[in-house]
Amino acid sequence: MEKSFGHQNIAKWFFLLLFAGVGFLFWKVLEPFVLVLMTAAIVAIIVTPVERHVRQWVGHPRISALIMLVLVLAIVVIPLATIALLAANQAVQIIQDTVANPVWVQSFDISSLPLIQALPNVLVAQIAAIDLAEVLRGVATWIVKNIGTIFASSADIIFQTFIFFVALYFFLVDREKIHAELLALSPLKNTIDESIAKRMVMTVRGVVFGSLIIAVIQGFIAAIGLTIFGVPGPLIWAGLVVIAAQVPMLGTSVIMLPAVGYLALSGQTPQAIGLLIWSMLAVGLVDNLLQPLVVGSRTRMHALLILLSMLGGLSAFGPIGFIFGPTILAAFLVLLELYKSGILEKTRV
C-alpha cells in the first residue's frame, strides 16, 4: 500500500516537472508572438458582434471570418499604416528643414520673435543667452536615430501583421471551441467563468468605444484644422491629440494650444485665431456630442486611469500598447470588482 502510494507520488511529481519543462519550452516558442496573439484576441472580441451578423448572412463561419479580415484590413490596418508612413514622412521633412539644417539652426533666433520681444528685457536677455543651436542639434540627432530604428523594423512589422491576421481568422472561426476549452481548464465554476468573461468583454468594448474611438475622431478633426491653418506635421500633432484626449480636465487643449502658440510665435496671427476657434468648436465639443451616441450604456472607465494605461502600455509594449494597456487595465478592474463582490467566498461553496 505504502509502496503504491509512493509510486503515485513519484509519478505525479514526474508529470508536473515534465509538464513544467515542456510548458516552459512552449512559452519560449510562443513568446515572440504573445503580443500579436493578444492583439488579435482583443480585435476578435471587438468585432465579434459584427461577425455574428455576417455569419448569419453568409451561413458559413470561415467565409464570415474572411470577410471580417478584409474589413479589418481595409478599415483599420491600411489607414493606420498610411497615416503612420505619412506622419513619418512629415517628421523627416520637418527635421530636414529645421533642426537638421545647419543654416536654419544658425539663423533661428528665438529672442527676435514678437512674443518674446514683448517680455521684460531681463527675460529677453536670458533667452538670448541660451545656446539654441546646440540644443537643436541634440534634438535632431535623437529624432533621426529613433526614426531609423522604426524603419529598420519594418520587415518584422510585416511578418507580425501576417501572424495577426492568421490568428484573428482562427479566433473568429473557433471562438466557441476556444471558449469551451478555457471553461474546461479553469478550476472555477462555469457560472463564475462566464461572469468573468462577460464582464471582461463588456469592459474591453467599453474602453474601445468609450474612449479610443472618440479620441481618434478628435485626432482626425484636429488634423483637418492643423492642415487648413498651416501647422507643420499635422499628423504628428493629431497623433498626440489622440493621447491627450484622455488627460483629465485639459483634454485636447494640451496639444492644440501649443499648436496655436506656434502659429502666434511665427507671426501668423489670423491662422492662430482660426485654429483656436477650430479647437474649441470642432475638436473640443466632439466628446460631449459624440459620447452619448458612440458610448451609450457601455462601460466608461476613468479618464486618468485610461491615460496612465495608454502611456504605460506604449512604454512597455510599443505602439500596440495603445490598446493593450487599457485592456490590461480593464482586466484588472473586472477582477477587482469580482473580488469586492465576494467571488472568493462563492468558490468555496
Protein backbone atom coordinates (compact mmCIF):
# COMPACT_ATOMS: atom_id res chain seq x y z
CA MET A 1 0.00 0.00 0.00
CA GLU A 2 2.73 2.44 1.03
CA LYS A 3 4.79 1.36 -1.99
CA SER A 4 1.82 2.06 -4.28
CA PHE A 5 1.27 5.47 -2.65
CA GLY A 6 4.95 6.33 -3.05
CA HIS A 7 4.89 5.27 -6.69
CA GLN A 8 1.85 7.52 -7.29
CA ASN A 9 3.66 10.45 -5.65
CA ILE A 10 6.72 9.94 -7.85
CA ALA A 11 4.53 9.66 -10.95
CA LYS A 12 2.67 12.84 -10.01
CA TRP A 13 5.83 14.87 -9.43
CA PHE A 14 7.44 13.47 -12.55
CA PHE A 15 4.42 14.54 -14.59
CA LEU A 16 4.38 18.03 -13.01
CA LEU A 17 8.10 18.52 -13.70
CA LEU A 18 7.70 17.22 -17.24
CA PHE A 19 4.70 19.49 -17.79
CA ALA A 20 6.59 22.49 -16.38
CA GLY A 21 9.60 21.80 -18.62
CA VAL A 22 7.55 21.33 -21.77
CA GLY A 23 5.39 24.32 -20.80
CA PHE A 24 8.49 26.49 -20.46
CA LEU A 25 9.75 25.40 -23.88
CA PHE A 26 6.32 26.02 -25.38
CA TRP A 27 6.34 29.51 -23.85
CA LYS A 28 9.73 30.23 -25.42
CA VAL A 29 8.31 29.21 -28.79
CA LEU A 30 5.27 31.49 -28.43
CA GLU A 31 6.98 34.38 -26.63
CA PRO A 32 7.86 36.37 -29.81
CA PHE A 33 4.20 36.32 -30.83
CA VAL A 34 2.44 36.82 -27.49
CA LEU A 35 1.62 40.49 -28.04
CA VAL A 36 0.41 39.80 -31.58
CA LEU A 37 -1.81 36.95 -30.37
CA MET A 38 -3.20 39.10 -27.55
CA THR A 39 -3.90 41.91 -30.02
CA ALA A 40 -5.69 39.50 -32.35
CA ALA A 41 -7.76 38.24 -29.40
CA ILE A 42 -8.71 41.80 -28.43
CA VAL A 43 -9.71 42.65 -32.01
CA ALA A 44 -11.71 39.41 -32.20
CA ILE A 45 -13.59 40.44 -29.04
CA ILE A 46 -14.34 43.85 -30.55
CA VAL A 47 -15.53 42.65 -33.98
CA THR A 48 -17.40 39.52 -32.83
CA PRO A 49 -20.85 41.22 -32.76
CA VAL A 50 -20.40 42.27 -36.40
CA GLU A 51 -19.03 38.85 -37.36
CA ARG A 52 -22.08 37.16 -35.86
CA HIS A 53 -24.37 39.11 -38.19
CA VAL A 54 -22.12 38.40 -41.16
CA ARG A 55 -22.09 34.68 -40.26
CA GLN A 56 -25.89 34.61 -40.16
CA TRP A 57 -25.96 36.29 -43.56
CA VAL A 58 -23.41 34.06 -45.36
CA GLY A 59 -24.13 30.91 -43.36
CA HIS A 60 -20.51 29.78 -43.02
CA PRO A 61 -18.00 30.69 -40.25
CA ARG A 62 -14.90 30.54 -42.46
CA ILE A 63 -16.37 32.84 -45.10
CA SER A 64 -17.61 35.30 -42.48
CA ALA A 65 -14.17 35.30 -40.82
CA LEU A 66 -12.51 36.05 -44.17
CA ILE A 67 -14.94 38.92 -44.74
CA MET A 68 -14.03 40.34 -41.32
CA LEU A 69 -10.33 40.09 -42.15
CA VAL A 70 -10.90 42.12 -45.30
CA LEU A 71 -12.90 44.71 -43.33
CA VAL A 72 -10.24 45.00 -40.62
CA LEU A 73 -7.55 45.33 -43.29
CA ALA A 74 -9.47 47.98 -45.23
CA ILE A 75 -10.87 49.98 -42.31
CA VAL A 76 -8.10 49.70 -39.71
CA VAL A 77 -4.74 48.36 -40.90
CA ILE A 78 -4.34 50.12 -44.25
CA PRO A 79 -5.48 53.56 -42.96
CA LEU A 80 -3.25 53.27 -39.87
CA ALA A 81 -0.25 52.17 -41.94
CA THR A 82 -0.84 55.01 -44.40
CA ILE A 83 -1.15 57.58 -41.63
CA ALA A 84 2.00 56.23 -39.94
CA LEU A 85 4.00 56.48 -43.16
CA LEU A 86 2.71 60.00 -43.89
CA ALA A 87 3.47 61.08 -40.31
CA ALA A 88 6.99 59.64 -40.54
CA ASN A 89 7.50 61.45 -43.85
CA GLN A 90 6.28 64.69 -42.30
CA ALA A 91 8.61 64.21 -39.35
CA VAL A 92 11.60 63.62 -41.63
CA GLN A 93 10.70 66.66 -43.74
CA ILE A 94 10.37 68.91 -40.69
CA ILE A 95 13.70 67.69 -39.32
CA GLN A 96 15.45 68.24 -42.65
CA ASP A 97 14.04 71.75 -42.97
CA THR A 98 14.70 72.81 -39.38
CA VAL A 99 16.85 71.21 -36.69
CA ALA A 100 18.90 69.09 -39.14
CA ASN A 101 19.61 72.11 -41.34
CA PRO A 102 22.72 73.96 -40.06
CA VAL A 103 21.72 77.16 -41.89
CA TRP A 104 18.29 77.20 -40.22
CA VAL A 105 19.77 76.42 -36.81
CA GLN A 106 22.29 79.27 -37.04
CA SER A 107 19.72 81.75 -38.35
CA PHE A 108 16.98 80.86 -35.88
CA ASP A 109 16.85 83.43 -33.12
CA ILE A 110 14.03 82.84 -30.65
CA SER A 111 14.71 86.14 -28.89
CA SER A 112 13.68 88.03 -32.04
CA LEU A 113 10.16 86.59 -32.09
CA PRO A 114 7.42 89.22 -31.45
CA LEU A 115 6.01 87.37 -28.43
CA ILE A 116 9.47 87.10 -26.81
CA GLN A 117 10.19 90.77 -27.53
CA ALA A 118 7.07 91.68 -25.57
CA LEU A 119 8.59 90.15 -22.41
CA PRO A 120 10.67 92.18 -19.90
CA ASN A 121 14.22 92.94 -21.07
CA VAL A 122 15.73 90.76 -18.33
CA LEU A 123 13.87 87.68 -19.62
CA VAL A 124 14.73 88.51 -23.24
CA ALA A 125 18.41 88.68 -22.31
CA GLN A 126 18.23 85.30 -20.52
CA ILE A 127 16.56 83.68 -23.54
CA ALA A 128 19.10 85.18 -25.93
CA ALA A 129 21.93 83.67 -23.85
CA ILE A 130 20.68 80.11 -24.48
CA ASP A 131 22.82 78.14 -26.95
CA LEU A 132 19.83 77.16 -29.04
CA ALA A 133 21.94 75.76 -31.89
CA GLU A 134 23.47 73.11 -29.63
CA VAL A 135 20.09 72.19 -28.17
CA LEU A 136 18.53 71.79 -31.63
CA ARG A 137 21.45 69.69 -32.87
CA GLY A 138 20.95 67.31 -29.95
CA VAL A 139 17.22 67.10 -30.69
CA ALA A 140 17.91 66.37 -34.36
CA THR A 141 20.38 63.60 -33.51
CA TRP A 142 17.94 61.89 -31.13
CA ILE A 143 14.98 62.08 -33.56
CA VAL A 144 16.93 60.79 -36.56
CA LYS A 145 18.31 57.90 -34.51
CA ASN A 146 14.86 56.82 -33.32
CA ILE A 147 13.19 57.18 -36.71
CA GLY A 148 15.92 55.00 -38.17
CA THR A 149 15.15 52.33 -35.57
CA ILE A 150 11.46 52.37 -36.52
CA PHE A 151 12.17 51.90 -40.23
CA ALA A 152 14.74 49.18 -39.52
CA SER A 153 12.00 47.03 -38.00
CA SER A 154 9.60 47.35 -40.95
CA ALA A 155 10.21 43.76 -42.13
CA ASP A 156 9.37 42.46 -38.67
CA ILE A 157 6.19 44.57 -38.64
CA ILE A 158 5.05 42.97 -41.91
CA PHE A 159 5.66 39.49 -40.53
CA GLN A 160 3.88 40.29 -37.26
CA THR A 161 0.93 41.68 -39.24
CA PHE A 162 0.70 38.39 -41.16
CA ILE A 163 0.65 36.44 -37.86
CA PHE A 164 -2.01 38.83 -36.55
CA PHE A 165 -4.39 38.12 -39.43
CA VAL A 166 -3.85 34.36 -39.26
CA ALA A 167 -4.55 34.40 -35.52
CA LEU A 168 -7.57 36.67 -35.92
CA TYR A 169 -9.03 34.28 -38.52
CA PHE A 170 -8.80 31.27 -36.21
CA PHE A 171 -10.00 33.22 -33.16
CA LEU A 172 -13.15 34.13 -35.10
CA VAL A 173 -13.72 30.70 -36.65
CA ASP A 174 -13.01 28.68 -33.48
CA ARG A 175 -14.12 31.10 -30.77
CA GLU A 176 -16.77 28.68 -29.44
CA LYS A 177 -14.20 25.88 -29.16
CA ILE A 178 -11.67 28.21 -27.51
CA HIS A 179 -14.31 29.40 -25.07
CA ALA A 180 -15.24 25.82 -24.16
CA GLU A 181 -11.59 24.83 -23.66
CA LEU A 182 -10.96 27.78 -21.35
CA LEU A 183 -14.00 26.84 -19.28
CA ALA A 184 -12.76 23.26 -19.06
CA LEU A 185 -9.28 24.34 -17.93
CA SER A 186 -10.49 26.79 -15.29
CA PRO A 187 -10.86 25.41 -11.74
CA LEU A 188 -13.69 27.87 -11.06
CA LYS A 189 -17.35 27.11 -11.57
CA ASN A 190 -18.61 27.64 -15.11
CA THR A 191 -21.06 30.31 -13.92
CA ILE A 192 -18.21 32.31 -12.38
CA ASP A 193 -16.05 31.83 -15.51
CA GLU A 194 -18.94 33.04 -17.66
CA SER A 195 -19.37 36.08 -15.41
CA ILE A 196 -15.66 36.95 -15.67
CA ALA A 197 -15.65 36.51 -19.45
CA LYS A 198 -18.81 38.55 -19.93
CA ARG A 199 -17.58 41.45 -17.81
CA MET A 200 -14.17 41.35 -19.47
CA VAL A 201 -15.69 41.53 -22.95
CA MET A 202 -18.03 44.36 -21.95
CA THR A 203 -15.19 46.33 -20.37
CA VAL A 204 -12.82 45.89 -23.33
CA ARG A 205 -15.51 47.02 -25.75
CA GLY A 206 -16.37 49.85 -23.40
CA VAL A 207 -12.76 51.07 -23.41
CA VAL A 208 -12.57 50.97 -27.20
CA PHE A 209 -15.95 52.57 -27.89
CA GLY A 210 -15.98 54.77 -24.81
CA SER A 211 -12.56 56.37 -25.17
CA LEU A 212 -10.40 55.30 -28.08
CA ILE A 213 -12.85 55.80 -30.94
CA ILE A 214 -13.87 59.27 -29.73
CA ALA A 215 -10.19 60.18 -29.24
CA VAL A 216 -9.38 59.01 -32.79
CA ILE A 217 -12.25 61.12 -34.17
CA GLN A 218 -10.90 64.12 -32.27
CA GLY A 219 -7.45 63.45 -33.70
CA PHE A 220 -8.88 63.27 -37.23
CA ILE A 221 -10.77 66.56 -36.82
CA ALA A 222 -7.67 68.15 -35.29
CA ALA A 223 -5.58 67.02 -38.28
CA ILE A 224 -8.01 68.76 -40.64
CA GLY A 225 -7.75 72.02 -38.72
CA LEU A 226 -3.97 71.80 -38.37
CA THR A 227 -3.66 71.24 -42.12
CA ILE A 228 -6.02 74.09 -43.02
CA PHE A 229 -4.21 76.61 -40.84
CA GLY A 230 -0.72 75.55 -41.91
CA VAL A 231 0.82 73.86 -38.86
CA PRO A 232 3.79 71.70 -39.99
CA GLY A 233 3.43 67.95 -39.41
CA PRO A 234 -0.34 67.92 -38.75
CA LEU A 235 -0.47 64.12 -38.48
CA ILE A 236 2.18 64.15 -35.75
CA TRP A 237 0.20 66.71 -33.77
CA ALA A 238 -3.02 64.74 -34.38
CA GLY A 239 -1.43 61.55 -33.02
CA LEU A 240 -0.59 63.42 -29.83
CA VAL A 241 -4.16 64.73 -29.68
CA VAL A 242 -5.46 61.14 -29.52
CA ILE A 243 -3.41 60.54 -26.37
CA ALA A 244 -4.08 63.99 -24.90
CA ALA A 245 -7.83 63.41 -25.23
CA GLN A 246 -7.54 61.20 -22.13
CA VAL A 247 -5.96 63.94 -19.99
CA PRO A 248 -8.48 64.89 -17.26
CA MET A 249 -9.89 68.44 -17.43
CA LEU A 250 -7.46 69.69 -20.09
CA GLY A 251 -8.01 67.09 -22.82
CA THR A 252 -7.00 68.00 -26.38
CA SER A 253 -6.06 71.56 -25.36
CA VAL A 254 -2.75 70.13 -24.08
CA ILE A 255 -1.71 69.76 -27.75
CA MET A 256 -3.91 72.24 -29.59
CA LEU A 257 -2.88 75.28 -27.52
CA PRO A 258 0.86 74.76 -28.22
CA ALA A 259 -0.04 74.48 -31.93
CA VAL A 260 -1.90 77.78 -31.67
CA GLY A 261 1.10 79.21 -29.83
CA TYR A 262 3.41 78.06 -32.63
CA LEU A 263 1.37 79.98 -35.20
CA ALA A 264 1.29 83.06 -32.97
CA LEU A 265 5.06 82.93 -32.40
CA SER A 266 5.59 82.58 -36.14
CA GLY A 267 3.67 85.81 -36.76
CA GLN A 268 0.65 84.04 -38.27
CA THR A 269 -1.93 85.69 -36.02
CA PRO A 270 -5.05 85.15 -38.22
CA GLN A 271 -4.20 81.44 -38.59
CA ALA A 272 -3.61 81.17 -34.83
CA ILE A 273 -7.04 82.69 -34.11
CA GLY A 274 -8.64 80.40 -36.68
CA LEU A 275 -7.04 77.29 -35.20
CA LEU A 276 -8.06 78.37 -31.69
CA ILE A 277 -11.70 78.68 -32.79
CA TRP A 278 -11.46 75.33 -34.61
CA SER A 279 -10.03 73.71 -31.48
CA MET A 280 -12.85 74.95 -29.29
CA LEU A 281 -15.77 74.38 -31.65
CA ALA A 282 -14.77 71.35 -33.74
CA VAL A 283 -12.28 69.39 -31.60
CA GLY A 284 -13.28 70.28 -28.06
CA LEU A 285 -17.02 69.59 -28.42
CA VAL A 286 -16.65 66.16 -30.06
CA ASP A 287 -16.51 64.36 -26.71
CA ASN A 288 -19.72 65.98 -25.47
CA LEU A 289 -21.61 65.50 -28.74
CA LEU A 290 -20.50 62.00 -29.75
CA GLN A 291 -20.11 60.31 -26.37
CA PRO A 292 -23.86 59.65 -25.87
CA LEU A 293 -24.14 58.32 -29.45
CA VAL A 294 -20.99 56.18 -29.54
CA VAL A 295 -20.72 55.11 -25.91
CA GLY A 296 -24.37 54.77 -24.88
CA SER A 297 -24.56 52.49 -21.85
CA ARG A 298 -21.14 50.95 -22.38
CA THR A 299 -18.57 50.88 -19.63
CA ARG A 300 -16.51 54.09 -19.50
CA MET A 301 -13.51 54.00 -17.21
CA HIS A 302 -11.97 56.98 -15.51
CA ALA A 303 -10.01 59.17 -17.94
CA LEU A 304 -6.93 59.32 -15.68
CA LEU A 305 -6.71 55.52 -15.50
CA ILE A 306 -7.06 55.22 -19.27
CA LEU A 307 -4.38 57.86 -19.83
CA LEU A 308 -1.92 56.13 -17.48
CA SER A 309 -2.66 52.72 -19.03
CA MET A 310 -2.11 54.13 -22.54
CA LEU A 311 1.20 55.77 -21.66
CA GLY A 312 2.34 52.75 -19.67
CA GLY A 313 1.26 50.43 -22.48
CA LEU A 314 3.16 52.48 -25.06
CA SER A 315 6.25 52.42 -22.85
CA ALA A 316 6.07 48.69 -22.12
CA PHE A 317 4.79 47.22 -25.40
CA GLY A 318 5.38 49.83 -28.09
CA PRO A 319 2.62 51.17 -30.41
CA ILE A 320 0.32 48.22 -29.71
CA GLY A 321 0.35 49.22 -26.05
CA PHE A 322 -2.07 52.00 -27.00
CA ILE A 323 -4.82 49.35 -26.92
CA PHE A 324 -3.07 46.66 -24.88
CA GLY A 325 -2.55 48.94 -21.87
CA PRO A 326 -6.25 49.83 -21.43
CA THR A 327 -7.15 46.17 -21.99
CA ILE A 328 -4.91 45.10 -19.09
CA LEU A 329 -6.49 47.86 -17.02
CA ALA A 330 -9.93 46.53 -17.96
CA ALA A 331 -8.97 43.02 -16.89
CA PHE A 332 -7.62 44.29 -13.56
CA LEU A 333 -10.75 46.33 -12.83
CA VAL A 334 -13.00 43.38 -13.66
CA LEU A 335 -11.08 41.08 -11.30
CA LEU A 336 -11.07 43.78 -8.64
CA GLU A 337 -14.83 44.20 -8.97
CA LEU A 338 -15.36 40.43 -8.71
CA TYR A 339 -13.15 40.29 -5.62
CA LYS A 340 -15.18 43.07 -3.99
CA SER A 341 -18.39 41.20 -4.80
CA GLY A 342 -17.15 38.19 -2.80
CA ILE A 343 -16.11 35.81 -5.58
CA LEU A 344 -13.63 34.02 -3.29
CA GLU A 345 -16.37 33.07 -0.86
CA LYS A 346 -18.57 31.84 -3.70
CA THR A 347 -15.86 29.50 -4.99
CA ARG A 348 -15.68 27.71 -1.61
CA VAL A 349 -19.32 26.71 -1.69
